[in-house]
Protein backbone atom coordinates (compact mmCIF):
# COMPACT_ATOMS: atom_id res chain seq x y z
CA UNK A 1 -0.24 5.11 -3.60
CA UNK A 2 0.08 2.10 -5.89
CA UNK A 3 0.62 -1.63 -5.71
CA UNK A 4 3.70 -3.33 -7.12
CA UNK A 5 3.76 -7.11 -7.45
CA UNK A 6 5.28 -9.96 -9.42
CA UNK A 7 3.22 -10.37 -12.57
CA UNK A 8 3.38 -12.79 -15.45
CA UNK A 9 6.79 -14.28 -16.25
CA UNK A 10 8.14 -13.00 -12.92
CA UNK A 11 8.17 -9.40 -14.23
CA UNK A 12 7.27 -6.57 -11.88
CA UNK A 13 3.80 -5.13 -12.43
CA UNK A 14 2.15 -1.97 -11.12
CA UNK A 15 -1.52 -1.56 -10.26
CA UNK A 16 -2.63 2.07 -10.17
CA UNK A 17 -6.03 2.42 -8.50
CA UNK A 18 -8.78 4.57 -9.99
CA UNK A 19 -9.39 7.53 -7.65
CA UNK A 20 -13.14 7.24 -8.26
CA UNK A 21 -13.13 3.61 -7.02
CA UNK A 22 -10.96 4.41 -4.00
CA UNK A 23 -13.44 7.14 -3.02
CA UNK A 24 -16.14 4.47 -2.67
CA UNK A 25 -14.15 2.61 -0.01
CA UNK A 26 -13.83 3.38 3.69
CA UNK A 27 -10.71 3.24 5.83
CA UNK A 28 -7.18 4.54 5.52
CA UNK A 29 -5.42 4.72 2.16
CA UNK A 30 -3.44 1.60 3.09
CA UNK A 31 -6.62 -0.30 4.03
CA UNK A 32 -8.19 0.72 0.72
CA UNK A 33 -5.17 -0.58 -1.22
CA UNK A 34 -5.17 -3.84 0.72
CA UNK A 35 -8.83 -4.26 -0.22
CA UNK A 36 -7.98 -3.50 -3.86
CA UNK A 37 -5.17 -6.09 -3.80
CA UNK A 38 -7.57 -8.69 -2.41
CA UNK A 39 -10.09 -7.81 -5.12
CA UNK A 40 -7.85 -7.55 -8.18
CA UNK A 41 -4.82 -9.76 -7.54
CA UNK A 42 -4.95 -13.56 -7.48
CA UNK A 43 -5.20 -14.91 -3.94
CA UNK A 44 -1.72 -15.44 -2.49
CA UNK A 45 0.00 -12.80 -4.64
CA UNK A 46 2.83 -11.03 -2.83
CA UNK A 47 2.77 -7.24 -3.22
CA UNK A 48 3.87 -3.98 -1.69
CA UNK A 49 2.21 -0.61 -1.44
CA UNK A 50 4.42 2.13 -2.87
CA UNK A 51 4.13 5.89 -2.72
CA UNK A 52 3.02 7.97 -5.68
CA UNK A 53 6.39 9.73 -5.72
CA UNK A 54 8.28 6.53 -6.63
CA UNK A 55 9.43 7.27 -10.18
CA UNK A 56 8.37 4.53 -12.60
CA UNK A 57 8.42 6.72 -15.69
CA UNK A 58 11.42 5.14 -17.42
CA UNK A 59 9.81 2.37 -19.50
CA UNK A 60 12.90 1.67 -21.60
CA UNK A 61 13.59 -1.67 -19.96
CA UNK A 62 10.27 -2.11 -18.19
CA UNK A 63 9.99 -5.76 -19.24
CA UNK A 64 13.30 -6.37 -17.52
CA UNK A 65 12.14 -4.99 -14.15
CA UNK A 66 12.06 -7.56 -11.40
CA UNK A 67 10.17 -7.47 -8.12
CA UNK A 68 12.22 -8.05 -5.00
CA UNK A 69 10.28 -8.41 -1.78
CA UNK A 70 10.84 -5.79 0.85
CA UNK A 71 10.09 -5.60 4.55
CA UNK A 72 6.56 -4.26 3.91
CA UNK A 73 5.49 -7.13 1.65
CA UNK A 74 1.90 -8.29 2.02
CA UNK A 75 -0.05 -11.23 0.54
CA UNK A 76 -3.46 -10.89 -1.12
CA UNK A 77 -6.30 -12.77 0.54
CA UNK A 78 -9.77 -13.99 -0.43
CA UNK A 79 -12.61 -11.50 -0.47
CA UNK A 80 -15.54 -12.11 1.85
CA UNK A 81 -18.79 -13.49 0.42
CA UNK A 82 -20.29 -10.02 0.92
CA UNK A 83 -17.54 -8.35 -1.13
CA UNK A 84 -17.77 -10.99 -3.86
CA UNK A 85 -21.48 -10.24 -4.19
CA UNK A 86 -20.83 -6.48 -4.20
CA UNK A 87 -18.47 -6.84 -7.20
CA UNK A 88 -20.62 -9.48 -8.96
CA UNK A 89 -17.81 -12.00 -8.62
CA UNK A 90 -18.58 -15.69 -8.21
CA UNK A 91 -15.21 -16.63 -6.74
CA UNK A 92 -11.88 -15.20 -5.73
CA UNK A 93 -9.14 -15.01 -8.32
C-alpha cells in the first residue's frame, strides 16, 4: 500500500513506505500508513491510501497528474510528543 496526496504546485505525489520501517510499527497495514502520513506529511495534508496494484508506472506526463479527493480521503494529524521524541523531531511538519 502507498499514500497519494497533493504535493507541491498541486501535483499528485506518491509516498512509498520502506518495508523495513513498516515492520517496526504495530497495527494493521492501514494504521501503519496513517502513522506514516502523520509522520512524513505536513499536518493537515489530505491523502488517500492506495493499493500496490494501482499502476503508476507511466511517468510520461507525471508532472501533469492531479490529485482528486475520493471517498476514502484522510487528513494527516500531529504526532504525539512520544512519537516526536522517538523520531528525534522537535515539532510536527
